[in-house]
Amino acid sequence: MKAYYRIGAAAVVFIIVLAGALHYRSNRLQEDLSEQILRFHVIANSDTEEDQELKLKVRDKIGAYLGKELGQVTNLEECEKTVQKHLPDIERCAKTILEEEGYAYSVKAKISDTKFPKKTYGSYTFPKGEYRALTVVIGSGSGKNWWCVMYPNLCFSGSMYEVIDENSKEELRAVLSEEDYAEIMAEGELRVRFKYLDGLLSLFGVEEK
């Protein structure tokens, strides 16, 4: 019986160490990414169908505008400065759509450090954490949000949806280390987890943070 206890204790220790390693890797990756990318975040007034559709129209209008303004930027600092300079224009773009659709919601655009949950965009998975982002809040900002990566440009290459062309992938690869790029690939080898790992963590009361 003592042998079973020893095996069980060893298994618990192994799982805790593994969970800690996963947590460390996720934190390190998030810190690396946060220094290399700028996200674009649009938050709807509410979760009604009308407000969610309005959010996407605002997204498209701002995306069309920024796609032109950011077409020649070559680094993160230049991208952020350009966006910061055009914040009033970004708000005007959004208000134009709101007025056309018959809404009197307020709009606020800002660049700030923003906390995001773990999210997948196209074939890339970004760990949760704090990232620099252009955030556009419509009305009360109580609804679901839409997001993408503005720099390197994964947003404005012909589509505002989660279809990322090869040029955009190469832009992202160029600013990340090979290790970081491999890790954010949602289907990449380094993203593969044992299927039963989450179950084991839960079984022993250990949660991956």
N, C-alpha and C. Protein backbone atom coordinates (compact mmCIF):
# COMPACT_ATOMS: atom_id res chain seq x y z
N MET A 1 0.83 -1.21 0.00
CA MET A 1 0.00 0.00 0.00
C MET A 1 0.86 1.26 0.00
N LYS A 2 2.01 1.20 0.76
CA LYS A 2 2.89 2.35 0.80
C LYS A 2 3.43 2.69 -0.58
N ALA A 3 3.65 1.64 -1.38
CA ALA A 3 4.16 1.87 -2.74
C ALA A 3 3.16 2.69 -3.55
N TYR A 4 1.86 2.40 -3.38
CA TYR A 4 0.83 3.16 -4.09
C TYR A 4 0.84 4.62 -3.66
N TYR A 5 1.03 4.85 -2.35
CA TYR A 5 1.08 6.23 -1.86
C TYR A 5 2.27 6.97 -2.45
N ARG A 6 3.42 6.27 -2.52
CA ARG A 6 4.61 6.90 -3.08
C ARG A 6 4.41 7.24 -4.56
N ILE A 7 3.78 6.31 -5.28
CA ILE A 7 3.51 6.56 -6.70
C ILE A 7 2.55 7.73 -6.86
N GLY A 8 1.50 7.75 -6.01
CA GLY A 8 0.53 8.85 -6.07
C GLY A 8 1.17 10.18 -5.75
N ALA A 9 2.03 10.19 -4.71
CA ALA A 9 2.71 11.43 -4.33
C ALA A 9 3.64 11.91 -5.44
N ALA A 10 4.34 10.96 -6.06
CA ALA A 10 5.24 11.32 -7.17
C ALA A 10 4.46 11.89 -8.34
N ALA A 11 3.27 11.31 -8.60
CA ALA A 11 2.43 11.80 -9.70
C ALA A 11 1.97 13.22 -9.43
N VAL A 12 1.58 13.49 -8.18
CA VAL A 12 1.13 14.83 -7.82
C VAL A 12 2.27 15.83 -8.00
N VAL A 13 3.45 15.47 -7.53
CA VAL A 13 4.61 16.36 -7.67
C VAL A 13 4.91 16.62 -9.14
N PHE A 14 4.86 15.55 -9.95
CA PHE A 14 5.13 15.69 -11.39
C PHE A 14 4.14 16.65 -12.04
N ILE A 15 2.86 16.50 -11.70
CA ILE A 15 1.83 17.34 -12.30
C ILE A 15 1.99 18.79 -11.87
N ILE A 16 2.32 19.02 -10.60
CA ILE A 16 2.52 20.39 -10.12
C ILE A 16 3.70 21.03 -10.83
N VAL A 17 4.79 20.27 -10.97
CA VAL A 17 5.97 20.80 -11.67
C VAL A 17 5.63 21.10 -13.12
N LEU A 18 4.87 20.19 -13.76
CA LEU A 18 4.49 20.39 -15.16
C LEU A 18 3.60 21.62 -15.31
N ALA A 19 2.64 21.78 -14.38
CA ALA A 19 1.77 22.96 -14.44
C ALA A 19 2.58 24.24 -14.26
N GLY A 20 3.56 24.19 -13.35
CA GLY A 20 4.41 25.36 -13.15
C GLY A 20 5.22 25.69 -14.39
N ALA A 21 5.71 24.65 -15.07
CA ALA A 21 6.48 24.87 -16.29
C ALA A 21 5.62 25.49 -17.38
N LEU A 22 4.39 25.00 -17.50
CA LEU A 22 3.48 25.55 -18.50
C LEU A 22 3.14 27.01 -18.19
N HIS A 23 2.94 27.29 -16.92
CA HIS A 23 2.64 28.65 -16.49
C HIS A 23 3.81 29.58 -16.79
N TYR A 24 5.02 29.12 -16.50
CA TYR A 24 6.22 29.92 -16.77
C TYR A 24 6.37 30.18 -18.26
N ARG A 25 6.17 29.13 -19.07
CA ARG A 25 6.32 29.28 -20.52
C ARG A 25 5.31 30.27 -21.07
N SER A 26 4.07 30.19 -20.57
CA SER A 26 3.03 31.10 -21.04
C SER A 26 3.36 32.54 -20.67
N ASN A 27 3.84 32.75 -19.43
CA ASN A 27 4.20 34.11 -19.00
C ASN A 27 5.36 34.66 -19.81
N ARG A 28 6.38 33.83 -20.05
CA ARG A 28 7.53 34.29 -20.83
C ARG A 28 7.12 34.65 -22.24
N LEU A 29 6.28 33.81 -22.85
CA LEU A 29 5.81 34.08 -24.21
C LEU A 29 5.01 35.37 -24.25
N GLN A 30 4.12 35.57 -23.28
CA GLN A 30 3.30 36.77 -23.25
C GLN A 30 4.16 38.02 -23.13
N GLU A 31 5.17 37.96 -22.28
CA GLU A 31 6.06 39.12 -22.11
C GLU A 31 6.80 39.43 -23.40
N ASP A 32 7.27 38.39 -24.08
CA ASP A 32 7.95 38.60 -25.36
C ASP A 32 7.02 39.24 -26.39
N LEU A 33 5.81 38.70 -26.50
CA LEU A 33 4.86 39.19 -27.49
C LEU A 33 4.45 40.63 -27.21
N SER A 34 4.25 40.94 -25.93
CA SER A 34 3.76 42.29 -25.59
C SER A 34 4.75 43.38 -26.00
N GLU A 35 6.01 43.02 -26.17
CA GLU A 35 7.02 43.99 -26.57
C GLU A 35 7.14 44.13 -28.08
N GLN A 36 6.38 43.29 -28.82
CA GLN A 36 6.54 43.26 -30.28
C GLN A 36 5.27 43.56 -31.06
N ILE A 37 4.11 43.59 -30.40
CA ILE A 37 2.86 43.73 -31.14
C ILE A 37 1.98 44.84 -30.57
N LEU A 38 1.08 45.33 -31.40
CA LEU A 38 0.03 46.27 -30.99
C LEU A 38 -1.30 45.67 -31.42
N ARG A 39 -2.22 45.55 -30.49
CA ARG A 39 -3.51 44.93 -30.79
C ARG A 39 -4.56 46.01 -31.07
N PHE A 40 -5.61 45.58 -31.76
CA PHE A 40 -6.74 46.45 -32.11
C PHE A 40 -7.98 45.82 -31.49
N HIS A 41 -8.71 46.62 -30.72
CA HIS A 41 -9.76 46.11 -29.85
C HIS A 41 -11.00 46.99 -30.00
N VAL A 42 -12.11 46.42 -30.44
CA VAL A 42 -13.36 47.17 -30.59
C VAL A 42 -14.40 46.54 -29.67
N ILE A 43 -14.97 47.34 -28.78
CA ILE A 43 -15.93 46.83 -27.79
C ILE A 43 -17.31 47.39 -28.07
N ALA A 44 -18.28 46.51 -28.19
CA ALA A 44 -19.65 46.91 -28.52
C ALA A 44 -20.36 47.52 -27.31
N ASN A 45 -21.40 48.29 -27.59
CA ASN A 45 -22.21 48.87 -26.53
C ASN A 45 -22.88 47.80 -25.69
N SER A 46 -23.38 46.75 -26.36
CA SER A 46 -24.07 45.66 -25.66
C SER A 46 -23.98 44.40 -26.51
N ASP A 47 -24.62 43.34 -26.05
CA ASP A 47 -24.62 42.08 -26.79
C ASP A 47 -25.88 41.88 -27.62
N THR A 48 -26.68 42.91 -27.80
CA THR A 48 -27.82 42.77 -28.70
C THR A 48 -27.31 42.56 -30.12
N GLU A 49 -28.11 41.92 -30.94
CA GLU A 49 -27.70 41.66 -32.31
C GLU A 49 -27.37 42.96 -33.05
N GLU A 50 -28.18 43.98 -32.80
CA GLU A 50 -27.97 45.27 -33.48
C GLU A 50 -26.63 45.90 -33.08
N ASP A 51 -26.33 45.87 -31.78
CA ASP A 51 -25.08 46.48 -31.31
C ASP A 51 -23.86 45.69 -31.77
N GLN A 52 -24.00 44.38 -31.85
CA GLN A 52 -22.89 43.57 -32.33
C GLN A 52 -22.63 43.81 -33.82
N GLU A 53 -23.69 43.96 -34.59
CA GLU A 53 -23.52 44.28 -36.02
C GLU A 53 -22.91 45.67 -36.18
N LEU A 54 -23.33 46.60 -35.33
CA LEU A 54 -22.79 47.95 -35.37
C LEU A 54 -21.29 47.94 -35.06
N LYS A 55 -20.90 47.14 -34.11
CA LYS A 55 -19.48 47.01 -33.77
C LYS A 55 -18.66 46.61 -34.99
N LEU A 56 -19.15 45.66 -35.76
CA LEU A 56 -18.41 45.20 -36.94
C LEU A 56 -18.36 46.26 -38.03
N LYS A 57 -19.41 47.05 -38.14
CA LYS A 57 -19.40 48.14 -39.12
C LYS A 57 -18.38 49.22 -38.71
N VAL A 58 -18.32 49.50 -37.43
CA VAL A 58 -17.32 50.45 -36.92
C VAL A 58 -15.92 49.90 -37.18
N ARG A 59 -15.73 48.63 -36.87
CA ARG A 59 -14.45 47.97 -37.14
C ARG A 59 -14.03 48.13 -38.59
N ASP A 60 -14.95 47.86 -39.50
CA ASP A 60 -14.63 47.92 -40.93
C ASP A 60 -14.26 49.34 -41.36
N LYS A 61 -15.00 50.33 -40.84
CA LYS A 61 -14.73 51.72 -41.19
C LYS A 61 -13.35 52.15 -40.70
N ILE A 62 -13.06 51.84 -39.45
CA ILE A 62 -11.76 52.20 -38.89
C ILE A 62 -10.65 51.42 -39.60
N GLY A 63 -10.91 50.16 -39.88
CA GLY A 63 -9.92 49.34 -40.57
C GLY A 63 -9.57 49.87 -41.93
N ALA A 64 -10.57 50.32 -42.68
CA ALA A 64 -10.32 50.89 -44.01
C ALA A 64 -9.47 52.15 -43.90
N TYR A 65 -9.74 52.95 -42.88
CA TYR A 65 -8.97 54.18 -42.68
C TYR A 65 -7.53 53.88 -42.26
N LEU A 66 -7.37 53.02 -41.25
CA LEU A 66 -6.04 52.74 -40.75
C LEU A 66 -5.21 51.92 -41.73
N GLY A 67 -5.87 51.12 -42.54
CA GLY A 67 -5.14 50.35 -43.53
C GLY A 67 -4.32 51.24 -44.44
N LYS A 68 -4.86 52.41 -44.75
CA LYS A 68 -4.14 53.37 -45.59
C LYS A 68 -3.06 54.10 -44.79
N GLU A 69 -3.41 54.52 -43.59
CA GLU A 69 -2.47 55.31 -42.78
C GLU A 69 -1.26 54.49 -42.33
N LEU A 70 -1.46 53.19 -42.13
CA LEU A 70 -0.38 52.35 -41.61
C LEU A 70 0.33 51.56 -42.69
N GLY A 71 0.00 51.82 -43.92
CA GLY A 71 0.54 51.03 -45.02
C GLY A 71 2.05 51.05 -45.13
N GLN A 72 2.69 52.14 -44.67
CA GLN A 72 4.13 52.28 -44.84
C GLN A 72 4.92 52.20 -43.53
N VAL A 73 4.26 51.91 -42.42
CA VAL A 73 5.00 51.85 -41.15
C VAL A 73 5.91 50.63 -41.14
N THR A 74 7.07 50.78 -40.51
CA THR A 74 8.07 49.72 -40.55
C THR A 74 8.44 49.15 -39.19
N ASN A 75 7.90 49.73 -38.12
CA ASN A 75 8.21 49.19 -36.79
C ASN A 75 7.09 49.54 -35.82
N LEU A 76 7.14 48.93 -34.64
CA LEU A 76 6.08 49.09 -33.65
C LEU A 76 5.97 50.53 -33.16
N GLU A 77 7.10 51.16 -32.89
CA GLU A 77 7.08 52.54 -32.39
C GLU A 77 6.41 53.47 -33.40
N GLU A 78 6.75 53.33 -34.66
CA GLU A 78 6.16 54.16 -35.70
C GLU A 78 4.67 53.91 -35.82
N CYS A 79 4.27 52.65 -35.70
CA CYS A 79 2.85 52.31 -35.78
C CYS A 79 2.08 52.96 -34.64
N GLU A 80 2.59 52.84 -33.42
CA GLU A 80 1.88 53.41 -32.28
C GLU A 80 1.80 54.93 -32.37
N LYS A 81 2.88 55.57 -32.79
CA LYS A 81 2.86 57.03 -32.93
C LYS A 81 1.84 57.47 -33.98
N THR A 82 1.77 56.73 -35.07
CA THR A 82 0.82 57.07 -36.13
C THR A 82 -0.61 56.93 -35.64
N VAL A 83 -0.90 55.83 -34.95
CA VAL A 83 -2.24 55.62 -34.43
C VAL A 83 -2.59 56.69 -33.40
N GLN A 84 -1.64 56.99 -32.52
CA GLN A 84 -1.87 58.02 -31.49
C GLN A 84 -2.22 59.36 -32.13
N LYS A 85 -1.50 59.70 -33.18
CA LYS A 85 -1.73 60.95 -33.90
C LYS A 85 -3.13 61.01 -34.49
N HIS A 86 -3.65 59.86 -34.91
CA HIS A 86 -4.93 59.83 -35.62
C HIS A 86 -6.11 59.41 -34.73
N LEU A 87 -5.93 59.41 -33.43
CA LEU A 87 -7.04 59.02 -32.55
C LEU A 87 -8.31 59.86 -32.78
N PRO A 88 -8.22 61.18 -32.93
CA PRO A 88 -9.44 61.96 -33.22
C PRO A 88 -10.10 61.53 -34.53
N ASP A 89 -9.29 61.21 -35.54
CA ASP A 89 -9.85 60.76 -36.82
C ASP A 89 -10.50 59.40 -36.68
N ILE A 90 -9.91 58.55 -35.86
CA ILE A 90 -10.49 57.22 -35.61
C ILE A 90 -11.86 57.36 -34.97
N GLU A 91 -11.97 58.26 -33.99
CA GLU A 91 -13.26 58.50 -33.35
C GLU A 91 -14.27 59.06 -34.35
N ARG A 92 -13.81 59.94 -35.23
CA ARG A 92 -14.71 60.50 -36.24
C ARG A 92 -15.21 59.42 -37.20
N CYS A 93 -14.33 58.50 -37.57
CA CYS A 93 -14.75 57.38 -38.43
C CYS A 93 -15.87 56.59 -37.77
N ALA A 94 -15.68 56.29 -36.50
CA ALA A 94 -16.69 55.52 -35.77
C ALA A 94 -18.00 56.29 -35.67
N LYS A 95 -17.93 57.58 -35.35
CA LYS A 95 -19.14 58.39 -35.20
C LYS A 95 -19.89 58.52 -36.52
N THR A 96 -19.15 58.54 -37.62
CA THR A 96 -19.81 58.60 -38.94
C THR A 96 -20.72 57.40 -39.13
N ILE A 97 -20.22 56.21 -38.79
CA ILE A 97 -21.03 55.00 -38.91
C ILE A 97 -22.21 55.04 -37.96
N LEU A 98 -21.98 55.47 -36.74
CA LEU A 98 -23.07 55.54 -35.76
C LEU A 98 -24.19 56.45 -36.25
N GLU A 99 -23.81 57.60 -36.77
CA GLU A 99 -24.82 58.54 -37.28
C GLU A 99 -25.55 57.97 -38.48
N GLU A 100 -24.82 57.32 -39.37
CA GLU A 100 -25.46 56.73 -40.54
C GLU A 100 -26.46 55.65 -40.15
N GLU A 101 -26.16 54.94 -39.07
CA GLU A 101 -27.04 53.86 -38.61
C GLU A 101 -28.10 54.34 -37.63
N GLY A 102 -28.07 55.63 -37.29
CA GLY A 102 -29.10 56.20 -36.42
C GLY A 102 -28.88 56.01 -34.94
N TYR A 103 -27.60 55.92 -34.52
CA TYR A 103 -27.29 55.75 -33.10
C TYR A 103 -26.59 57.00 -32.56
N ALA A 104 -26.83 57.27 -31.28
CA ALA A 104 -26.22 58.44 -30.64
C ALA A 104 -25.21 58.02 -29.58
N TYR A 105 -24.66 56.83 -29.71
CA TYR A 105 -23.68 56.35 -28.74
C TYR A 105 -22.41 57.21 -28.76
N SER A 106 -21.78 57.30 -27.62
CA SER A 106 -20.46 57.93 -27.57
C SER A 106 -19.42 56.95 -28.11
N VAL A 107 -18.26 57.48 -28.47
CA VAL A 107 -17.14 56.65 -28.93
C VAL A 107 -15.86 57.18 -28.30
N LYS A 108 -15.05 56.28 -27.77
CA LYS A 108 -13.76 56.67 -27.20
C LYS A 108 -12.68 55.76 -27.76
N ALA A 109 -11.65 56.36 -28.33
CA ALA A 109 -10.50 55.61 -28.85
C ALA A 109 -9.26 55.99 -28.05
N LYS A 110 -8.49 55.00 -27.65
CA LYS A 110 -7.26 55.27 -26.90
C LYS A 110 -6.28 54.12 -27.08
N ILE A 111 -5.01 54.43 -26.84
CA ILE A 111 -3.98 53.40 -26.78
C ILE A 111 -3.59 53.23 -25.32
N SER A 112 -3.63 52.00 -24.84
CA SER A 112 -3.31 51.76 -23.44
C SER A 112 -2.87 50.32 -23.25
N ASP A 113 -2.36 50.02 -22.06
CA ASP A 113 -2.06 48.64 -21.69
C ASP A 113 -3.37 47.99 -21.27
N THR A 114 -3.72 46.92 -21.95
CA THR A 114 -5.02 46.29 -21.75
C THR A 114 -4.86 44.81 -21.47
N LYS A 115 -5.61 44.30 -20.52
CA LYS A 115 -5.55 42.87 -20.20
C LYS A 115 -6.46 42.09 -21.14
N PHE A 116 -5.92 41.03 -21.71
CA PHE A 116 -6.67 40.17 -22.61
C PHE A 116 -6.65 38.74 -22.09
N PRO A 117 -7.74 38.00 -22.29
CA PRO A 117 -7.70 36.57 -22.01
C PRO A 117 -6.95 35.85 -23.13
N LYS A 118 -6.70 34.57 -22.94
CA LYS A 118 -6.09 33.77 -24.00
C LYS A 118 -7.02 33.78 -25.21
N LYS A 119 -6.48 34.10 -26.39
CA LYS A 119 -7.31 34.24 -27.58
C LYS A 119 -6.60 33.64 -28.79
N THR A 120 -7.41 33.09 -29.70
CA THR A 120 -6.89 32.58 -30.97
C THR A 120 -7.38 33.47 -32.09
N TYR A 121 -6.46 33.86 -32.96
CA TYR A 121 -6.79 34.67 -34.13
C TYR A 121 -6.19 33.98 -35.34
N GLY A 122 -7.06 33.53 -36.24
CA GLY A 122 -6.58 32.75 -37.38
C GLY A 122 -5.90 31.50 -36.87
N SER A 123 -4.65 31.29 -37.23
CA SER A 123 -3.91 30.10 -36.80
C SER A 123 -3.00 30.38 -35.61
N TYR A 124 -3.14 31.55 -35.00
CA TYR A 124 -2.26 31.93 -33.90
C TYR A 124 -3.02 32.01 -32.58
N THR A 125 -2.38 31.53 -31.52
CA THR A 125 -2.96 31.63 -30.18
C THR A 125 -2.07 32.50 -29.31
N PHE A 126 -2.66 33.56 -28.75
CA PHE A 126 -1.92 34.51 -27.92
C PHE A 126 -2.29 34.28 -26.45
N PRO A 127 -1.29 34.10 -25.58
CA PRO A 127 -1.58 33.85 -24.17
C PRO A 127 -2.21 35.06 -23.49
N LYS A 128 -2.91 34.80 -22.40
CA LYS A 128 -3.53 35.90 -21.68
C LYS A 128 -2.46 36.78 -21.06
N GLY A 129 -2.81 38.04 -20.84
CA GLY A 129 -1.87 38.96 -20.24
C GLY A 129 -2.13 40.38 -20.71
N GLU A 130 -1.20 41.25 -20.40
CA GLU A 130 -1.34 42.68 -20.72
C GLU A 130 -0.59 43.01 -22.01
N TYR A 131 -1.31 43.66 -22.93
CA TYR A 131 -0.75 44.05 -24.22
C TYR A 131 -1.09 45.52 -24.50
N ARG A 132 -0.23 46.19 -25.27
CA ARG A 132 -0.57 47.51 -25.78
C ARG A 132 -1.65 47.33 -26.84
N ALA A 133 -2.66 48.20 -26.81
CA ALA A 133 -3.76 48.04 -27.75
C ALA A 133 -4.42 49.38 -28.05
N LEU A 134 -4.86 49.51 -29.30
CA LEU A 134 -5.81 50.56 -29.65
C LEU A 134 -7.18 50.01 -29.30
N THR A 135 -7.84 50.65 -28.35
CA THR A 135 -9.16 50.21 -27.92
C THR A 135 -10.20 51.25 -28.31
N VAL A 136 -11.23 50.80 -29.00
CA VAL A 136 -12.35 51.66 -29.39
C VAL A 136 -13.58 51.17 -28.64
N VAL A 137 -14.11 52.02 -27.77
CA VAL A 137 -15.27 51.65 -26.95
C VAL A 137 -16.50 52.37 -27.49
N ILE A 138 -17.52 51.59 -27.82
CA ILE A 138 -18.78 52.14 -28.32
C ILE A 138 -19.79 52.19 -27.18
N GLY A 139 -20.34 53.37 -26.93
CA GLY A 139 -21.35 53.51 -25.89
C GLY A 139 -20.83 53.09 -24.53
N SER A 140 -21.57 52.22 -23.85
CA SER A 140 -21.20 51.77 -22.51
C SER A 140 -20.08 50.74 -22.52
N GLY A 141 -19.79 50.18 -23.70
CA GLY A 141 -18.74 49.17 -23.78
C GLY A 141 -19.05 47.92 -23.00
N SER A 142 -20.32 47.55 -22.94
CA SER A 142 -20.74 46.39 -22.14
C SER A 142 -20.86 45.11 -22.96
N GLY A 143 -20.63 45.20 -24.26
CA GLY A 143 -20.83 44.04 -25.12
C GLY A 143 -19.55 43.29 -25.42
N LYS A 144 -19.70 42.22 -26.17
CA LYS A 144 -18.55 41.42 -26.59
C LYS A 144 -17.64 42.24 -27.50
N ASN A 145 -16.37 41.90 -27.47
CA ASN A 145 -15.40 42.66 -28.25
C ASN A 145 -14.92 41.88 -29.46
N TRP A 146 -14.30 42.61 -30.36
CA TRP A 146 -13.58 42.02 -31.50
C TRP A 146 -12.16 42.51 -31.43
N TRP A 147 -11.19 41.67 -31.82
CA TRP A 147 -9.80 42.10 -31.75
C TRP A 147 -8.99 41.48 -32.88
N CYS A 148 -7.85 42.09 -33.15
CA CYS A 148 -6.86 41.50 -34.05
C CYS A 148 -5.51 42.09 -33.68
N VAL A 149 -4.48 41.70 -34.41
CA VAL A 149 -3.14 42.26 -34.23
C VAL A 149 -2.91 43.32 -35.30
N MET A 150 -2.74 44.56 -34.85
CA MET A 150 -2.57 45.68 -35.77
C MET A 150 -1.13 45.79 -36.25
N TYR A 151 -0.19 45.53 -35.34
CA TYR A 151 1.22 45.48 -35.75
C TYR A 151 1.89 44.28 -35.10
N PRO A 152 2.57 43.45 -35.91
CA PRO A 152 2.59 43.46 -37.38
C PRO A 152 1.18 43.27 -37.95
N ASN A 153 0.98 43.72 -39.14
CA ASN A 153 -0.35 43.82 -39.71
C ASN A 153 -1.00 42.47 -40.01
N LEU A 154 -1.89 42.03 -39.11
CA LEU A 154 -2.72 40.86 -39.37
C LEU A 154 -4.17 41.25 -39.60
N CYS A 155 -4.44 42.57 -39.60
CA CYS A 155 -5.82 43.07 -39.70
C CYS A 155 -6.22 43.52 -41.09
N PHE A 156 -5.35 44.24 -41.76
CA PHE A 156 -5.78 45.07 -42.88
C PHE A 156 -5.29 44.60 -44.24
N SER A 157 -5.04 43.31 -44.39
CA SER A 157 -4.53 42.80 -45.66
C SER A 157 -5.66 42.24 -46.51
N GLY A 158 -6.59 43.11 -46.88
CA GLY A 158 -7.67 42.70 -47.78
C GLY A 158 -8.88 42.12 -47.07
N SER A 159 -8.73 41.78 -45.79
CA SER A 159 -9.86 41.21 -45.06
C SER A 159 -9.76 41.59 -43.60
N MET A 160 -10.90 41.93 -43.00
CA MET A 160 -10.91 42.24 -41.58
C MET A 160 -11.28 41.01 -40.76
N TYR A 161 -11.27 39.86 -41.39
CA TYR A 161 -11.67 38.64 -40.72
C TYR A 161 -10.46 37.76 -40.48
N GLU A 162 -10.66 36.61 -39.88
CA GLU A 162 -9.55 35.79 -39.42
C GLU A 162 -8.97 34.93 -40.54
N VAL A 163 -8.67 35.55 -41.66
CA VAL A 163 -7.97 34.91 -42.76
C VAL A 163 -6.69 35.69 -42.96
N ILE A 164 -5.57 35.09 -42.61
CA ILE A 164 -4.29 35.79 -42.60
C ILE A 164 -3.48 35.33 -43.80
N ASP A 165 -3.10 36.27 -44.67
CA ASP A 165 -2.36 35.88 -45.87
C ASP A 165 -0.88 35.64 -45.56
N GLU A 166 -0.16 35.13 -46.54
CA GLU A 166 1.23 34.75 -46.32
C GLU A 166 2.12 35.95 -46.01
N ASN A 167 1.85 37.09 -46.64
CA ASN A 167 2.65 38.28 -46.35
C ASN A 167 2.53 38.70 -44.89
N SER A 168 1.30 38.64 -44.37
CA SER A 168 1.08 39.00 -42.96
C SER A 168 1.78 38.01 -42.03
N LYS A 169 1.75 36.74 -42.39
CA LYS A 169 2.44 35.73 -41.57
C LYS A 169 3.94 36.00 -41.54
N GLU A 170 4.48 36.38 -42.68
CA GLU A 170 5.92 36.66 -42.74
C GLU A 170 6.27 37.91 -41.94
N GLU A 171 5.38 38.90 -41.93
CA GLU A 171 5.61 40.10 -41.13
C GLU A 171 5.67 39.75 -39.65
N LEU A 172 4.77 38.88 -39.21
CA LEU A 172 4.77 38.46 -37.81
C LEU A 172 6.02 37.64 -37.50
N ARG A 173 6.36 36.72 -38.38
CA ARG A 173 7.54 35.89 -38.16
C ARG A 173 8.80 36.75 -38.05
N ALA A 174 8.84 37.85 -38.81
CA ALA A 174 10.03 38.70 -38.86
C ALA A 174 10.32 39.40 -37.54
N VAL A 175 9.28 39.69 -36.75
CA VAL A 175 9.49 40.43 -35.50
C VAL A 175 9.57 39.53 -34.27
N LEU A 176 9.29 38.24 -34.45
CA LEU A 176 9.33 37.30 -33.33
C LEU A 176 10.52 36.36 -33.47
N SER A 177 10.94 35.81 -32.36
CA SER A 177 11.94 34.75 -32.42
C SER A 177 11.28 33.50 -33.00
N GLU A 178 12.10 32.59 -33.51
CA GLU A 178 11.55 31.35 -34.07
C GLU A 178 10.79 30.57 -33.01
N GLU A 179 11.30 30.58 -31.78
CA GLU A 179 10.64 29.86 -30.69
C GLU A 179 9.27 30.46 -30.39
N ASP A 180 9.21 31.79 -30.27
CA ASP A 180 7.93 32.44 -29.98
C ASP A 180 6.94 32.22 -31.10
N TYR A 181 7.41 32.32 -32.34
CA TYR A 181 6.51 32.14 -33.48
C TYR A 181 5.94 30.73 -33.47
N ALA A 182 6.78 29.74 -33.20
CA ALA A 182 6.30 28.36 -33.17
C ALA A 182 5.26 28.15 -32.08
N GLU A 183 5.48 28.81 -30.94
CA GLU A 183 4.58 28.60 -29.80
C GLU A 183 3.20 29.20 -30.00
N ILE A 184 3.09 30.28 -30.76
CA ILE A 184 1.76 30.87 -30.92
C ILE A 184 0.97 30.21 -32.05
N MET A 185 1.60 29.32 -32.80
CA MET A 185 0.87 28.60 -33.83
C MET A 185 -0.13 27.66 -33.15
N ALA A 186 -1.38 27.91 -33.36
CA ALA A 186 -2.43 27.14 -32.68
C ALA A 186 -2.32 25.65 -32.97
N GLU A 187 -1.81 25.29 -34.16
CA GLU A 187 -1.68 23.88 -34.52
C GLU A 187 -0.21 23.45 -34.56
N GLY A 188 0.68 24.34 -34.11
CA GLY A 188 2.11 24.04 -34.17
C GLY A 188 2.52 22.96 -33.19
N GLU A 189 3.68 22.39 -33.44
CA GLU A 189 4.16 21.29 -32.61
C GLU A 189 4.29 21.68 -31.16
N LEU A 190 4.75 22.91 -30.89
CA LEU A 190 4.95 23.32 -29.51
C LEU A 190 3.65 23.66 -28.80
N ARG A 191 2.54 23.71 -29.53
CA ARG A 191 1.25 23.98 -28.89
C ARG A 191 0.54 22.69 -28.51
N VAL A 192 1.11 21.53 -28.90
CA VAL A 192 0.44 20.26 -28.62
C VAL A 192 0.54 19.96 -27.13
N ARG A 193 -0.57 19.67 -26.53
CA ARG A 193 -0.61 19.30 -25.12
C ARG A 193 -1.13 17.88 -25.02
N PHE A 194 -0.72 17.14 -23.97
CA PHE A 194 -1.32 15.84 -23.73
C PHE A 194 -2.82 16.03 -23.52
N LYS A 195 -3.63 15.20 -24.19
CA LYS A 195 -5.07 15.39 -24.14
C LYS A 195 -5.62 15.24 -22.73
N TYR A 196 -4.94 14.43 -21.95
CA TYR A 196 -5.45 14.18 -20.61
C TYR A 196 -4.86 15.11 -19.55
N LEU A 197 -4.01 16.05 -19.95
CA LEU A 197 -3.32 16.88 -18.96
C LEU A 197 -4.29 17.72 -18.15
N ASP A 198 -5.22 18.39 -18.82
CA ASP A 198 -6.17 19.23 -18.09
C ASP A 198 -6.98 18.40 -17.11
N GLY A 199 -7.33 17.19 -17.52
CA GLY A 199 -8.08 16.30 -16.64
C GLY A 199 -7.27 15.93 -15.41
N LEU A 200 -5.97 15.65 -15.61
CA LEU A 200 -5.11 15.32 -14.48
C LEU A 200 -4.94 16.50 -13.54
N LEU A 201 -4.75 17.67 -14.13
CA LEU A 201 -4.61 18.87 -13.30
C LEU A 201 -5.84 19.08 -12.44
N SER A 202 -7.01 18.93 -13.05
CA SER A 202 -8.27 19.11 -12.31
C SER A 202 -8.43 18.03 -11.25
N LEU A 203 -8.04 16.80 -11.60
CA LEU A 203 -8.19 15.68 -10.68
C LEU A 203 -7.44 15.92 -9.38
N PHE A 204 -6.26 16.51 -9.50
CA PHE A 204 -5.43 16.76 -8.33
C PHE A 204 -5.58 18.18 -7.79
N GLY A 205 -6.58 18.89 -8.30
CA GLY A 205 -6.85 20.23 -7.79
C GLY A 205 -5.83 21.26 -8.18
N VAL A 206 -5.15 21.03 -9.32
CA VAL A 206 -4.15 21.97 -9.80
C VAL A 206 -4.66 22.62 -11.06
N GLU A 207 -4.63 23.93 -11.13
CA GLU A 207 -5.09 24.66 -12.30
C GLU A 207 -3.92 25.34 -12.97
N GLU A 208 -3.89 25.25 -14.33
CA GLU A 208 -2.88 26.01 -15.07
C GLU A 208 -3.29 27.46 -15.07
N LYS A 209 -2.41 28.35 -14.67
CA LYS A 209 -2.73 29.77 -14.55
C LYS A 209 -2.39 30.50 -15.81
